[in-house]
Amino acid sequence: MRDSEFFGHVTALAPGKVNLSLRVGPPREDGYHDVATLYFAVSLYEEITAAPREDGAITVSISERSAFTGVEHTDPDTGETVTAEIPLDERNLAYKAAALLRETLRQRDASTLTFPRRDATGELLQGPPQYGVDLTITKNVPIAGGMGGGSADAAAALLACSALWDAGLSKEQLVELGAELGADVPFAILGGAAVGQGVGDELSPLLTHGELHLVIVPATAGLSTPEVYRQLDSMREAAGIEAEAPELDADLVRAVSAGDAELIATLMANDLQAPAVSMIPALDDMLDAGLAEGALQGMVSGSGPTLVFLARDAAAAAQLATGLEERTDVWAIPVTGPAPGARLL
């Protein structure tokens, strides 16, 4: 008997991530940018519970236990500050993940299933499986914060639905499906640390030793990733800078593999930090506050506006988080990494 048959649902976790380095190349013809990045999964997890439906429909809801449910951002057309809620329809990445897996399994069934079908007790089943699911998301990764929370939702949904529907898919097969949903989804499935190239979807996992201690500071406002990339292109054009093919610092890769926090601090870099700070100038003051409170280094995470600070050890991370909260009245969250990838509870 599967867990889903016993409990009536399946729950999966997937980690958020930070980019310990993010180098961005020039815009491509398709509008995307080649990057060279070092993904690092951290101990903030998105949680998805999948419960079966008999009608083949997919629904999405947000758990009351969620730490994040919405985020403010500036409307690019009106300039007004508006609150963006998490979409609960086909725009949601968890929904897209379930729909992609449902279609994949229906296509497989069409070519492999024989009829009539019977269940384990011998009872006759009517027609092919419908693969319906109710998804409940518990959000613990900042929304629109550059930490891949939506991608973690997709990763957890793929794993939970695969188990719920007894799909029999390997992690490698789930990674292939995840790549169709977004560049960060395969990494959320795998976790750990990895070099990302292309648009971030070409992953080379790293063997790491030891643990890094970081402090995450979520922003009350969000940033649109495409807008941040556009701002980077505009800033480079205005400064007469011609972007080159991105390369990752080999010394940083070795430092992350060795877990050398002090060396990592000297090599962290993010090409999207300047455009993110230009869009939310208060980030600069927060970065200065983190350094004043003892961080080895501070940086915008991904496209921002979440900030990540590197600490020397667990005690230093706890002290840094307390100092930041007392100094600036923000929410500062100590985390560790590299965290494992998507997994079932």
C-alpha atoms as a PDB file:
ATOM      1  CA  MET A   1       0.000   0.000   0.000  1.00  0.00           C
ATOM      2  CA  ARG A   2       1.349   3.431  -0.960  1.00  0.00           C
ATOM      3  CA  ASP A   3       1.518   6.252   1.612  1.00  0.00           C
ATOM      4  CA  SER A   4      -1.051   8.162  -0.434  1.00  0.00           C
ATOM      5  CA  GLU A   5      -3.517   5.300  -0.072  1.00  0.00           C
ATOM      6  CA  PHE A   6      -2.967   5.133   3.688  1.00  0.00           C
ATOM      7  CA  PHE A   7      -2.968   8.860   4.511  1.00  0.00           C
ATOM      8  CA  GLY A   8      -4.989  10.143   1.558  1.00  0.00           C
ATOM      9  CA  HIS A   9      -2.322  12.669   0.594  1.00  0.00           C
ATOM     10  CA  VAL A  10       1.389  13.131  -0.136  1.00  0.00           C
ATOM     11  CA  THR A  11       3.573  15.991   1.133  1.00  0.00           C
ATOM     12  CA  ALA A  12       6.856  17.100  -0.413  1.00  0.00           C
ATOM     13  CA  LEU A  13       9.448  19.752   0.427  1.00  0.00           C
ATOM     14  CA  ALA A  14      11.789  21.665  -1.884  1.00  0.00           C
ATOM     15  CA  PRO A  15      14.420  24.252  -0.904  1.00  0.00           C
ATOM     16  CA  GLY A  16      14.836  27.877  -1.810  1.00  0.00           C
ATOM     17  CA  LYS A  17      18.209  28.952  -3.137  1.00  0.00           C
ATOM     18  CA  VAL A  18      20.674  31.805  -3.198  1.00  0.00           C
ATOM     19  CA  ASN A  19      23.205  32.592  -5.896  1.00  0.00           C
ATOM     20  CA  LEU A  20      26.659  32.903  -4.341  1.00  0.00           C
ATOM     21  CA  SER A  21      27.732  34.348  -7.677  1.00  0.00           C
ATOM     22  CA  LEU A  22      25.718  35.447 -10.698  1.00  0.00           C
ATOM     23  CA  ARG A  23      27.406  36.669 -13.855  1.00  0.00           C
ATOM     24  CA  VAL A  24      25.157  37.824 -16.711  1.00  0.00           C
ATOM     25  CA  GLY A  25      26.013  37.994 -20.401  1.00  0.00           C
ATOM     26  CA  PRO A  26      24.474  40.200 -23.096  1.00  0.00           C
ATOM     27  CA  PRO A  27      20.827  39.747 -24.133  1.00  0.00           C
ATOM     28  CA  ARG A  28      20.240  36.957 -26.638  1.00  0.00           C
ATOM     29  CA  GLU A  29      17.977  37.064 -29.657  1.00  0.00           C
ATOM     30  CA  ASP A  30      15.271  35.232 -27.702  1.00  0.00           C
ATOM     31  CA  GLY A  31      15.322  37.924 -25.010  1.00  0.00           C
ATOM     32  CA  TYR A  32      17.016  35.777 -22.377  1.00  0.00           C
ATOM     33  CA  HIS A  33      20.571  36.139 -21.057  1.00  0.00           C
ATOM     34  CA  ASP A  34      23.278  33.535 -20.708  1.00  0.00           C
ATOM     35  CA  VAL A  35      24.483  33.319 -17.120  1.00  0.00           C
ATOM     36  CA  ALA A  36      27.223  31.682 -15.113  1.00  0.00           C
ATOM     37  CA  THR A  37      26.001  31.166 -11.574  1.00  0.00           C
ATOM     38  CA  LEU A  38      26.659  29.186  -8.439  1.00  0.00           C
ATOM     39  CA  TYR A  39      23.391  27.904  -7.014  1.00  0.00           C
ATOM     40  CA  PHE A  40      23.301  27.138  -3.291  1.00  0.00           C
ATOM     41  CA  ALA A  41      20.223  25.522  -1.720  1.00  0.00           C
ATOM     42  CA  VAL A  42      19.334  26.757   1.770  1.00  0.00           C
ATOM     43  CA  SER A  43      17.184  25.515   4.638  1.00  0.00           C
ATOM     44  CA  LEU A  44      14.042  27.479   3.775  1.00  0.00           C
ATOM     45  CA  TYR A  45      11.588  24.988   2.296  1.00  0.00           C
ATOM     46  CA  GLU A  46       8.425  25.273   0.280  1.00  0.00           C
ATOM     47  CA  GLU A  47       5.941  22.561   1.286  1.00  0.00           C
ATOM     48  CA  ILE A  48       3.252  21.123  -0.954  1.00  0.00           C
ATOM     49  CA  THR A  49       0.569  18.647   0.023  1.00  0.00           C
ATOM     50  CA  ALA A  50      -1.160  16.792  -2.819  1.00  0.00           C
ATOM     51  CA  ALA A  51      -4.540  15.133  -2.271  1.00  0.00           C
ATOM     52  CA  PRO A  52      -6.246  13.072  -5.002  1.00  0.00           C
ATOM     53  CA  ARG A  53      -9.284  14.150  -7.021  1.00  0.00           C
ATOM     54  CA  GLU A  54     -11.384  11.805  -9.122  1.00  0.00           C
ATOM     55  CA  ASP A  55     -12.445  14.374 -11.721  1.00  0.00           C
ATOM     56  CA  GLY A  56      -9.026  15.135 -13.223  1.00  0.00           C
ATOM     57  CA  ALA A  57      -9.091  18.790 -12.091  1.00  0.00           C
ATOM     58  CA  ILE A  58      -6.184  20.644 -10.462  1.00  0.00           C
ATOM     59  CA  THR A  59      -6.745  23.149  -7.649  1.00  0.00           C
ATOM     60  CA  VAL A  60      -4.243  25.290  -5.725  1.00  0.00           C
ATOM     61  CA  SER A  61      -4.642  26.845  -2.275  1.00  0.00           C
ATOM     62  CA  ILE A  62      -2.290  28.546   0.186  1.00  0.00           C
ATOM     63  CA  SER A  63      -1.922  27.153   3.693  1.00  0.00           C
ATOM     64  CA  GLU A  64      -2.590  29.400   6.689  1.00  0.00           C
ATOM     65  CA  ARG A  65       0.805  28.254   7.990  1.00  0.00           C
ATOM     66  CA  SER A  66       2.561  30.179   5.191  1.00  0.00           C
ATOM     67  CA  ALA A  67       5.152  32.760   6.210  1.00  0.00           C
ATOM     68  CA  PHE A  68       4.612  34.660   2.949  1.00  0.00           C
ATOM     69  CA  THR A  69       1.303  35.169   1.141  1.00  0.00           C
ATOM     70  CA  GLY A  70       1.796  38.303  -0.969  1.00  0.00           C
ATOM     71  CA  VAL A  71       4.265  41.041  -1.785  1.00  0.00           C
ATOM     72  CA  GLU A  72       4.149  44.695  -2.747  1.00  0.00           C
ATOM     73  CA  HIS A  73       5.624  45.852  -6.028  1.00  0.00           C
ATOM     74  CA  THR A  74       5.566  48.855  -8.295  1.00  0.00           C
ATOM     75  CA  ASP A  75       3.284  48.627 -11.313  1.00  0.00           C
ATOM     76  CA  PRO A  76       5.547  49.417 -14.320  1.00  0.00           C
ATOM     77  CA  ASP A  77       2.644  51.054 -16.197  1.00  0.00           C
ATOM     78  CA  THR A  78       1.202  53.281 -13.466  1.00  0.00           C
ATOM     79  CA  GLY A  79       4.098  53.578 -11.017  1.00  0.00           C
ATOM     80  CA  GLU A  80       1.691  52.760  -8.183  1.00  0.00           C
ATOM     81  CA  THR A  81       2.549  50.370  -5.360  1.00  0.00           C
ATOM     82  CA  VAL A  82       0.248  47.368  -5.461  1.00  0.00           C
ATOM     83  CA  THR A  83       0.063  44.081  -3.559  1.00  0.00           C
ATOM     84  CA  ALA A  84       0.621  41.045  -5.723  1.00  0.00           C
ATOM     85  CA  GLU A  85      -1.126  37.927  -4.494  1.00  0.00           C
ATOM     86  CA  ILE A  86      -0.011  34.406  -5.336  1.00  0.00           C
ATOM     87  CA  PRO A  87      -1.999  33.197  -8.369  1.00  0.00           C
ATOM     88  CA  LEU A  88      -4.130  30.142  -7.628  1.00  0.00           C
ATOM     89  CA  ASP A  89      -4.873  29.200 -11.234  1.00  0.00           C
ATOM     90  CA  GLU A  90      -2.935  27.949 -14.258  1.00  0.00           C
ATOM     91  CA  ARG A  91      -0.398  30.793 -13.804  1.00  0.00           C
ATOM     92  CA  ASN A  92       0.912  29.159 -10.625  1.00  0.00           C
ATOM     93  CA  LEU A  93       4.087  27.128 -11.173  1.00  0.00           C
ATOM     94  CA  ALA A  94       2.848  24.318  -8.922  1.00  0.00           C
ATOM     95  CA  TYR A  95      -0.304  24.116 -11.049  1.00  0.00           C
ATOM     96  CA  LYS A  96       1.821  24.086 -14.210  1.00  0.00           C
ATOM     97  CA  ALA A  97       3.969  21.294 -12.781  1.00  0.00           C
ATOM     98  CA  ALA A  98       0.949  19.131 -11.942  1.00  0.00           C
ATOM     99  CA  ALA A  99      -0.611  19.823 -15.354  1.00  0.00           C
ATOM    100  CA  LEU A 100       2.612  18.908 -17.164  1.00  0.00           C
ATOM    101  CA  LEU A 101       2.948  15.653 -15.240  1.00  0.00           C
ATOM    102  CA  ARG A 102      -0.758  14.870 -15.762  1.00  0.00           C
ATOM    103  CA  GLU A 103      -0.407  15.302 -19.534  1.00  0.00           C
ATOM    104  CA  THR A 104       2.793  13.237 -19.582  1.00  0.00           C
ATOM    105  CA  LEU A 105       1.105  10.365 -17.752  1.00  0.00           C
ATOM    106  CA  ARG A 106      -2.040  10.533 -19.876  1.00  0.00           C
ATOM    107  CA  GLN A 107       0.075  10.258 -23.019  1.00  0.00           C
ATOM    108  CA  ARG A 108       1.950   7.303 -21.528  1.00  0.00           C
ATOM    109  CA  ASP A 109      -1.288   5.621 -20.514  1.00  0.00           C
ATOM    110  CA  ALA A 110      -2.745   6.035 -23.993  1.00  0.00           C
ATOM    111  CA  SER A 111       0.047   3.896 -25.414  1.00  0.00           C
ATOM    112  CA  THR A 112       0.532   1.376 -22.597  1.00  0.00           C
ATOM    113  CA  LEU A 113      -2.696   0.774 -20.653  1.00  0.00           C
ATOM    114  CA  THR A 114      -4.881  -2.213 -21.441  1.00  0.00           C
ATOM    115  CA  PHE A 115      -8.589  -2.391 -20.644  1.00  0.00           C
ATOM    116  CA  PRO A 116     -10.555  -3.323 -18.666  1.00  0.00           C
ATOM    117  CA  ARG A 117      -8.501  -2.226 -15.633  1.00  0.00           C
ATOM    118  CA  ARG A 118      -8.866  -3.595 -12.116  1.00  0.00           C
ATOM    119  CA  ASP A 119      -7.519  -2.324  -8.809  1.00  0.00           C
ATOM    120  CA  ALA A 120      -5.542  -4.346  -6.244  1.00  0.00           C
ATOM    121  CA  THR A 121      -8.757  -5.913  -4.908  1.00  0.00           C
ATOM    122  CA  GLY A 122      -9.879  -6.981  -8.372  1.00  0.00           C
ATOM    123  CA  GLU A 123     -12.636  -4.355  -8.620  1.00  0.00           C
ATOM    124  CA  LEU A 124     -13.300  -3.158 -12.162  1.00  0.00           C
ATOM    125  CA  LEU A 125     -12.121   0.410 -12.835  1.00  0.00           C
ATOM    126  CA  GLN A 126     -13.865   2.656 -15.334  1.00  0.00           C
ATOM    127  CA  GLY A 127     -11.619   4.249 -17.976  1.00  0.00           C
ATOM    128  CA  PRO A 128      -8.051   5.543 -17.636  1.00  0.00           C
ATOM    129  CA  PRO A 129      -6.759   7.399 -14.536  1.00  0.00           C
ATOM    130  CA  GLN A 130      -7.747  11.086 -14.497  1.00  0.00           C
ATOM    131  CA  TYR A 131      -4.832  12.391 -12.392  1.00  0.00           C
ATOM    132  CA  GLY A 132      -6.669  15.102 -10.527  1.00  0.00           C
ATOM    133  CA  VAL A 133      -5.144  16.773  -7.472  1.00  0.00           C
ATOM    134  CA  ASP A 134      -5.746  19.402  -4.806  1.00  0.00           C
ATOM    135  CA  LEU A 135      -2.458  21.189  -4.074  1.00  0.00           C
ATOM    136  CA  THR A 136      -1.915  23.070  -0.810  1.00  0.00           C
ATOM    137  CA  ILE A 137       1.200  25.258  -0.686  1.00  0.00           C
ATOM    138  CA  THR A 138       2.913  26.345   2.525  1.00  0.00           C
ATOM    139  CA  LYS A 139       5.181  29.206   1.483  1.00  0.00           C
ATOM    140  CA  ASN A 140       8.328  29.733   3.542  1.00  0.00           C
ATOM    141  CA  VAL A 141      10.508  31.249   0.805  1.00  0.00           C
ATOM    142  CA  PRO A 142      10.101  34.995   0.073  1.00  0.00           C
ATOM    143  CA  ILE A 143       7.822  35.809  -2.867  1.00  0.00           C
ATOM    144  CA  ALA A 144       9.431  37.612  -5.832  1.00  0.00           C
ATOM    145  CA  GLY A 145      12.603  37.733  -3.736  1.00  0.00           C
ATOM    146  CA  GLY A 146      15.202  36.126  -5.989  1.00  0.00           C
ATOM    147  CA  MET A 147      15.258  32.843  -4.054  1.00  0.00           C
ATOM    148  CA  GLY A 148      13.398  30.593  -6.489  1.00  0.00           C
ATOM    149  CA  GLY A 149      10.315  30.035  -4.337  1.00  0.00           C
ATOM    150  CA  GLY A 150       8.039  29.453  -7.321  1.00  0.00           C
ATOM    151  CA  SER A 151      10.524  27.004  -8.782  1.00  0.00           C
ATOM    152  CA  ALA A 152      10.649  25.177  -5.442  1.00  0.00           C
ATOM    153  CA  ASP A 153       6.840  24.950  -5.555  1.00  0.00           C
ATOM    154  CA  ALA A 154       7.071  23.367  -9.011  1.00  0.00           C
ATOM    155  CA  ALA A 155       9.742  20.908  -7.856  1.00  0.00           C
ATOM    156  CA  ALA A 156       7.741  19.872  -4.792  1.00  0.00           C
ATOM    157  CA  ALA A 157       4.549  19.545  -6.856  1.00  0.00           C
ATOM    158  CA  LEU A 158       6.264  17.287  -9.399  1.00  0.00           C
ATOM    159  CA  LEU A 159       7.576  15.023  -6.649  1.00  0.00           C
ATOM    160  CA  ALA A 160       4.331  14.956  -4.648  1.00  0.00           C
ATOM    161  CA  CYS A 161       2.120  14.291  -7.679  1.00  0.00           C
ATOM    162  CA  SER A 162       4.506  11.660  -9.010  1.00  0.00           C
ATOM    163  CA  ALA A 163       4.189   9.792  -5.705  1.00  0.00           C
ATOM    164  CA  LEU A 164       0.435  10.405  -5.400  1.00  0.00           C
ATOM    165  CA  TRP A 165      -0.231   9.074  -8.891  1.00  0.00           C
ATOM    166  CA  ASP A 166       2.297   6.225  -8.570  1.00  0.00           C
ATOM    167  CA  ALA A 167       4.026   7.473 -11.736  1.00  0.00           C
ATOM    168  CA  GLY A 168       7.219   5.477 -11.192  1.00  0.00           C
ATOM    169  CA  LEU A 169       9.421   8.322 -12.489  1.00  0.00           C
ATOM    170  CA  SER A 170      13.086   8.645 -11.535  1.00  0.00           C
ATOM    171  CA  LYS A 171      14.601  11.863 -10.205  1.00  0.00           C
ATOM    172  CA  GLU A 172      16.341  12.271 -13.571  1.00  0.00           C
ATOM    173  CA  GLN A 173      12.993  12.101 -15.363  1.00  0.00           C
ATOM    174  CA  LEU A 174      11.512  14.658 -12.974  1.00  0.00           C
ATOM    175  CA  VAL A 175      14.495  16.935 -13.640  1.00  0.00           C
ATOM    176  CA  GLU A 176      13.777  16.705 -17.382  1.00  0.00           C
ATOM    177  CA  LEU A 177      10.157  17.677 -16.810  1.00  0.00           C
ATOM    178  CA  GLY A 178      11.216  20.456 -14.456  1.00  0.00           C
ATOM    179  CA  ALA A 179      13.434  21.992 -17.125  1.00  0.00           C
ATOM    180  CA  GLU A 180      10.292  22.596 -19.204  1.00  0.00           C
ATOM    181  CA  LEU A 181       8.900  24.758 -16.409  1.00  0.00           C
ATOM    182  CA  GLY A 182      11.864  27.033 -15.725  1.00  0.00           C
ATOM    183  CA  ALA A 183      15.624  27.221 -15.359  1.00  0.00           C
ATOM    184  CA  ASP A 184      15.575  27.023 -11.528  1.00  0.00           C
ATOM    185  CA  VAL A 185      13.233  24.017 -11.211  1.00  0.00           C
ATOM    186  CA  PRO A 186      15.836  21.284 -11.910  1.00  0.00           C
ATOM    187  CA  PHE A 187      18.095  22.717  -9.207  1.00  0.00           C
ATOM    188  CA  ALA A 188      15.239  22.767  -6.673  1.00  0.00           C
ATOM    189  CA  ILE A 189      14.761  19.054  -7.379  1.00  0.00           C
ATOM    190  CA  LEU A 190      18.468  18.268  -6.972  1.00  0.00           C
ATOM    191  CA  GLY A 191      19.432  20.732  -4.201  1.00  0.00           C
ATOM    192  CA  GLY A 192      22.949  20.987  -2.807  1.00  0.00           C
ATOM    193  CA  ALA A 193      25.265  23.264  -4.750  1.00  0.00           C
ATOM    194  CA  ALA A 194      25.759  23.463  -8.496  1.00  0.00           C
ATOM    195  CA  VAL A 195      27.238  25.556 -11.256  1.00  0.00           C
ATOM    196  CA  GLY A 196      24.527  26.783 -13.620  1.00  0.00           C
ATOM    197  CA  GLN A 197      25.174  27.847 -17.197  1.00  0.00           C
ATOM    198  CA  GLY A 198      23.105  28.640 -20.281  1.00  0.00           C
ATOM    199  CA  VAL A 199      20.006  30.329 -18.860  1.00  0.00           C
ATOM    200  CA  GLY A 200      20.820  28.595 -15.584  1.00  0.00           C
ATOM    201  CA  ASP A 201      19.402  25.210 -16.546  1.00  0.00           C
ATOM    202  CA  GLU A 202      22.687  23.514 -17.500  1.00  0.00           C
ATOM    203  CA  LEU A 203      23.685  22.156 -14.097  1.00  0.00           C
ATOM    204  CA  SER A 204      26.990  20.756 -12.888  1.00  0.00           C
ATOM    205  CA  PRO A 205      26.510  19.559  -9.273  1.00  0.00           C
ATOM    206  CA  LEU A 206      29.316  20.233  -6.802  1.00  0.00           C
ATOM    207  CA  LEU A 207      30.624  17.888  -4.141  1.00  0.00           C
ATOM    208  CA  THR A 208      30.789  20.026  -0.997  1.00  0.00           C
ATOM    209  CA  HIS A 209      32.325  19.638   2.450  1.00  0.00           C
ATOM    210  CA  GLY A 210      31.014  21.260   5.593  1.00  0.00           C
ATOM    211  CA  GLU A 211      28.210  23.739   6.037  1.00  0.00           C
ATOM    212  CA  LEU A 212      27.796  27.436   5.360  1.00  0.00           C
ATOM    213  CA  HIS A 213      25.807  29.723   7.661  1.00  0.00           C
ATOM    214  CA  LEU A 214      23.858  32.591   6.164  1.00  0.00           C
ATOM    215  CA  VAL A 215      21.236  35.131   7.175  1.00  0.00           C
ATOM    216  CA  ILE A 216      18.344  35.900   4.828  1.00  0.00           C
ATOM    217  CA  VAL A 217      16.610  39.287   4.987  1.00  0.00           C
ATOM    218  CA  PRO A 218      13.343  39.286   3.001  1.00  0.00           C
ATOM    219  CA  ALA A 219      12.160  42.591   1.554  1.00  0.00           C
ATOM    220  CA  THR A 220       8.608  43.865   2.018  1.00  0.00           C
ATOM    221  CA  ALA A 221       8.498  44.686  -1.698  1.00  0.00           C
ATOM    222  CA  GLY A 222       9.158  42.411  -4.654  1.00  0.00           C
ATOM    223  CA  LEU A 223      11.035  42.823  -7.912  1.00  0.00           C
ATOM    224  CA  SER A 224      10.171  41.418 -11.321  1.00  0.00           C
ATOM    225  CA  THR A 225      13.084  39.349 -12.613  1.00  0.00           C
ATOM    226  CA  PRO A 226      12.586  40.463 -16.254  1.00  0.00           C
ATOM    227  CA  GLU A 227      12.488  44.102 -15.104  1.00  0.00           C
ATOM    228  CA  VAL A 228      15.782  43.705 -13.222  1.00  0.00           C
ATOM    229  CA  TYR A 229      17.445  42.195 -16.298  1.00  0.00           C
ATOM    230  CA  ARG A 230      16.111  45.036 -18.441  1.00  0.00           C
ATOM    231  CA  GLN A 231      17.481  47.547 -15.951  1.00  0.00           C
ATOM    232  CA  LEU A 232      20.897  45.846 -16.135  1.00  0.00           C
ATOM    233  CA  ASP A 233      20.885  46.131 -19.936  1.00  0.00           C
ATOM    234  CA  SER A 234      19.905  49.814 -19.710  1.00  0.00           C
ATOM    235  CA  MET A 235      22.602  50.598 -17.155  1.00  0.00           C
ATOM    236  CA  ARG A 236      25.256  48.870 -19.231  1.00  0.00           C
ATOM    237  CA  GLU A 237      24.163  50.702 -22.369  1.00  0.00           C
ATOM    238  CA  ALA A 238      24.180  54.062 -20.578  1.00  0.00           C
ATOM    239  CA  ALA A 239      27.689  53.391 -19.249  1.00  0.00           C
ATOM    240  CA  GLY A 240      28.964  52.166 -22.616  1.00  0.00           C
ATOM    241  CA  ILE A 241      29.724  48.723 -21.196  1.00  0.00           C
ATOM    242  CA  GLU A 242      29.682  45.844 -23.667  1.00  0.00           C
ATOM    243  CA  ALA A 243      28.787  42.653 -21.837  1.00  0.00           C
ATOM    244  CA  GLU A 244      30.920  39.589 -22.464  1.00  0.00           C
ATOM    245  CA  ALA A 245      30.163  35.890 -22.220  1.00  0.00           C
ATOM    246  CA  PRO A 246      29.747  35.183 -18.488  1.00  0.00           C
ATOM    247  CA  GLU A 247      32.343  33.162 -16.590  1.00  0.00           C
ATOM    248  CA  LEU A 248      32.307  31.879 -13.028  1.00  0.00           C
ATOM    249  CA  ASP A 249      35.357  32.387 -10.826  1.00  0.00           C
ATOM    250  CA  ALA A 250      37.066  28.996 -10.499  1.00  0.00           C
ATOM    251  CA  ASP A 251      38.435  30.009  -7.073  1.00  0.00           C
ATOM    252  CA  LEU A 252      34.869  30.546  -5.837  1.00  0.00           C
ATOM    253  CA  VAL A 253      33.849  27.079  -7.016  1.00  0.00           C
ATOM    254  CA  ARG A 254      36.774  25.570  -5.102  1.00  0.00           C
ATOM    255  CA  ALA A 255      35.991  27.661  -2.012  1.00  0.00           C
ATOM    256  CA  VAL A 256      32.340  26.548  -1.977  1.00  0.00           C
ATOM    257  CA  SER A 257      33.368  22.928  -2.445  1.00  0.00           C
ATOM    258  CA  ALA A 258      35.693  23.286   0.554  1.00  0.00           C
ATOM    259  CA  GLY A 259      33.194  25.226   2.656  1.00  0.00           C
ATOM    260  CA  ASP A 260      35.682  28.066   3.148  1.00  0.00           C
ATOM    261  CA  ALA A 261      33.404  30.914   4.276  1.00  0.00           C
ATOM    262  CA  GLU A 262      36.097  33.576   4.560  1.00  0.00           C
ATOM    263  CA  LEU A 263      37.391  32.952   1.026  1.00  0.00           C
ATOM    264  CA  ILE A 264      33.852  32.757  -0.374  1.00  0.00           C
ATOM    265  CA  ALA A 265      33.168  36.189   1.142  1.00  0.00           C
ATOM    266  CA  THR A 266      35.933  37.757  -0.965  1.00  0.00           C
ATOM    267  CA  LEU A 267      34.654  36.187  -4.206  1.00  0.00           C
ATOM    268  CA  MET A 268      30.853  36.601  -4.048  1.00  0.00           C
ATOM    269  CA  ALA A 269      29.498  38.738  -6.911  1.00  0.00           C
ATOM    270  CA  ASN A 270      26.141  39.489  -8.532  1.00  0.00           C
ATOM    271  CA  ASP A 271      25.741  41.451 -11.757  1.00  0.00           C
ATOM    272  CA  LEU A 272      22.048  41.998 -10.902  1.00  0.00           C
ATOM    273  CA  GLN A 273      22.807  43.727  -7.600  1.00  0.00           C
ATOM    274  CA  ALA A 274      23.370  47.186  -9.079  1.00  0.00           C
ATOM    275  CA  PRO A 275      20.093  47.248 -11.035  1.00  0.00           C
ATOM    276  CA  ALA A 276      18.183  45.818  -8.046  1.00  0.00           C
ATOM    277  CA  VAL A 277      19.619  48.502  -5.748  1.00  0.00           C
ATOM    278  CA  SER A 278      18.839  51.198  -8.309  1.00  0.00           C
ATOM    279  CA  MET A 279      15.201  50.086  -8.210  1.00  0.00           C
ATOM    280  CA  ILE A 280      15.063  49.797  -4.388  1.00  0.00           C
ATOM    281  CA  PRO A 281      17.799  52.119  -3.005  1.00  0.00           C
ATOM    282  CA  ALA A 282      17.065  51.106   0.610  1.00  0.00           C
ATOM    283  CA  LEU A 283      18.803  47.791  -0.123  1.00  0.00           C
ATOM    284  CA  ASP A 284      22.151  49.605  -0.067  1.00  0.00           C
ATOM    285  CA  ASP A 285      21.612  50.806   3.509  1.00  0.00           C
ATOM    286  CA  MET A 286      20.589  47.309   4.588  1.00  0.00           C
ATOM    287  CA  LEU A 287      23.730  45.832   3.053  1.00  0.00           C
ATOM    288  CA  ASP A 288      25.820  48.348   4.994  1.00  0.00           C
ATOM    289  CA  ALA A 289      23.929  47.465   8.187  1.00  0.00           C
ATOM    290  CA  GLY A 290      24.694  43.767   7.729  1.00  0.00           C
ATOM    291  CA  LEU A 291      28.412  44.425   7.345  1.00  0.00           C
ATOM    292  CA  ALA A 292      28.354  46.698  10.387  1.00  0.00           C
ATOM    293  CA  GLU A 293      26.758  43.867  12.386  1.00  0.00           C
ATOM    294  CA  GLY A 294      29.588  41.481  11.512  1.00  0.00           C
ATOM    295  CA  ALA A 295      28.646  39.755   8.251  1.00  0.00           C
ATOM    296  CA  LEU A 296      31.606  38.493   6.242  1.00  0.00           C
ATOM    297  CA  GLN A 297      29.802  39.655   3.106  1.00  0.00           C
ATOM    298  CA  GLY A 298      26.347  40.721   1.981  1.00  0.00           C
ATOM    299  CA  MET A 299      24.703  40.524  -1.423  1.00  0.00           C
ATOM    300  CA  VAL A 300      21.401  40.737  -3.236  1.00  0.00           C
ATOM    301  CA  SER A 301      20.085  37.208  -3.795  1.00  0.00           C
ATOM    302  CA  GLY A 302      19.529  36.511  -7.493  1.00  0.00           C
ATOM    303  CA  SER A 303      17.401  39.263  -9.011  1.00  0.00           C
ATOM    304  CA  GLY A 304      16.486  40.482  -5.512  1.00  0.00           C
ATOM    305  CA  PRO A 305      15.289  42.113  -3.472  1.00  0.00           C
ATOM    306  CA  THR A 306      15.957  39.504  -0.757  1.00  0.00           C
ATOM    307  CA  LEU A 307      19.413  39.990   0.786  1.00  0.00           C
ATOM    308  CA  VAL A 308      21.792  37.235   1.873  1.00  0.00           C
ATOM    309  CA  PHE A 309      24.594  37.694   4.387  1.00  0.00           C
ATOM    310  CA  LEU A 310      27.411  35.199   4.924  1.00  0.00           C
ATOM    311  CA  ALA A 311      28.476  34.510   8.520  1.00  0.00           C
ATOM    312  CA  ARG A 312      31.550  32.795   9.921  1.00  0.00           C
ATOM    313  CA  ASP A 313      29.639  30.097  11.845  1.00  0.00           C
ATOM    314  CA  ALA A 314      26.284  29.289  13.462  1.00  0.00           C
ATOM    315  CA  ALA A 315      26.860  31.513  16.479  1.00  0.00           C
ATOM    316  CA  ALA A 316      27.890  34.437  14.270  1.00  0.00           C
ATOM    317  CA  ALA A 317      24.796  33.939  12.089  1.00  0.00           C
ATOM    318  CA  ALA A 318      22.492  33.994  15.124  1.00  0.00           C
ATOM    319  CA  GLN A 319      24.200  37.117  16.470  1.00  0.00           C
ATOM    320  CA  LEU A 320      24.010  38.782  13.038  1.00  0.00           C
ATOM    321  CA  ALA A 321      20.296  38.050  12.702  1.00  0.00           C
ATOM    322  CA  THR A 322      19.593  39.478  16.169  1.00  0.00           C
ATOM    323  CA  GLY A 323      21.727  42.550  15.484  1.00  0.00           C
ATOM    324  CA  LEU A 324      20.005  43.267  12.176  1.00  0.00           C
ATOM    325  CA  GLU A 325      16.546  42.927  13.703  1.00  0.00           C
ATOM    326  CA  GLU A 326      17.420  45.263  16.570  1.00  0.00           C
ATOM    327  CA  ARG A 327      19.167  47.808  14.333  1.00  0.00           C
ATOM    328  CA  THR A 328      16.729  47.945  11.421  1.00  0.00           C
ATOM    329  CA  ASP A 329      13.479  46.287  12.610  1.00  0.00           C
ATOM    330  CA  VAL A 330      13.591  43.745   9.766  1.00  0.00           C
ATOM    331  CA  TRP A 331      12.984  40.014   9.811  1.00  0.00           C
ATOM    332  CA  ALA A 332      16.356  38.262   9.587  1.00  0.00           C
ATOM    333  CA  ILE A 333      16.375  34.463   9.183  1.00  0.00           C
ATOM    334  CA  PRO A 334      19.461  32.309   9.914  1.00  0.00           C
ATOM    335  CA  VAL A 335      19.736  29.437   7.416  1.00  0.00           C
ATOM    336  CA  THR A 336      22.261  26.784   6.501  1.00  0.00           C
ATOM    337  CA  GLY A 337      23.345  25.073   3.309  1.00  0.00           C
ATOM    338  CA  PRO A 338      23.849  23.224   1.135  1.00  0.00           C
ATOM    339  CA  ALA A 339      20.329  21.891   1.729  1.00  0.00           C
ATOM    340  CA  PRO A 340      19.024  18.684   0.133  1.00  0.00           C
ATOM    341  CA  GLY A 341      16.753  18.827  -2.894  1.00  0.00           C
ATOM    342  CA  ALA A 342      13.062  18.018  -3.150  1.00  0.00           C
ATOM    343  CA  ARG A 343      11.991  15.127  -0.963  1.00  0.00           C
ATOM    344  CA  LEU A 344       8.866  13.454   0.384  1.00  0.00           C
ATOM    345  CA  LEU A 345       7.848  13.769   4.023  1.00  0.00           C
END
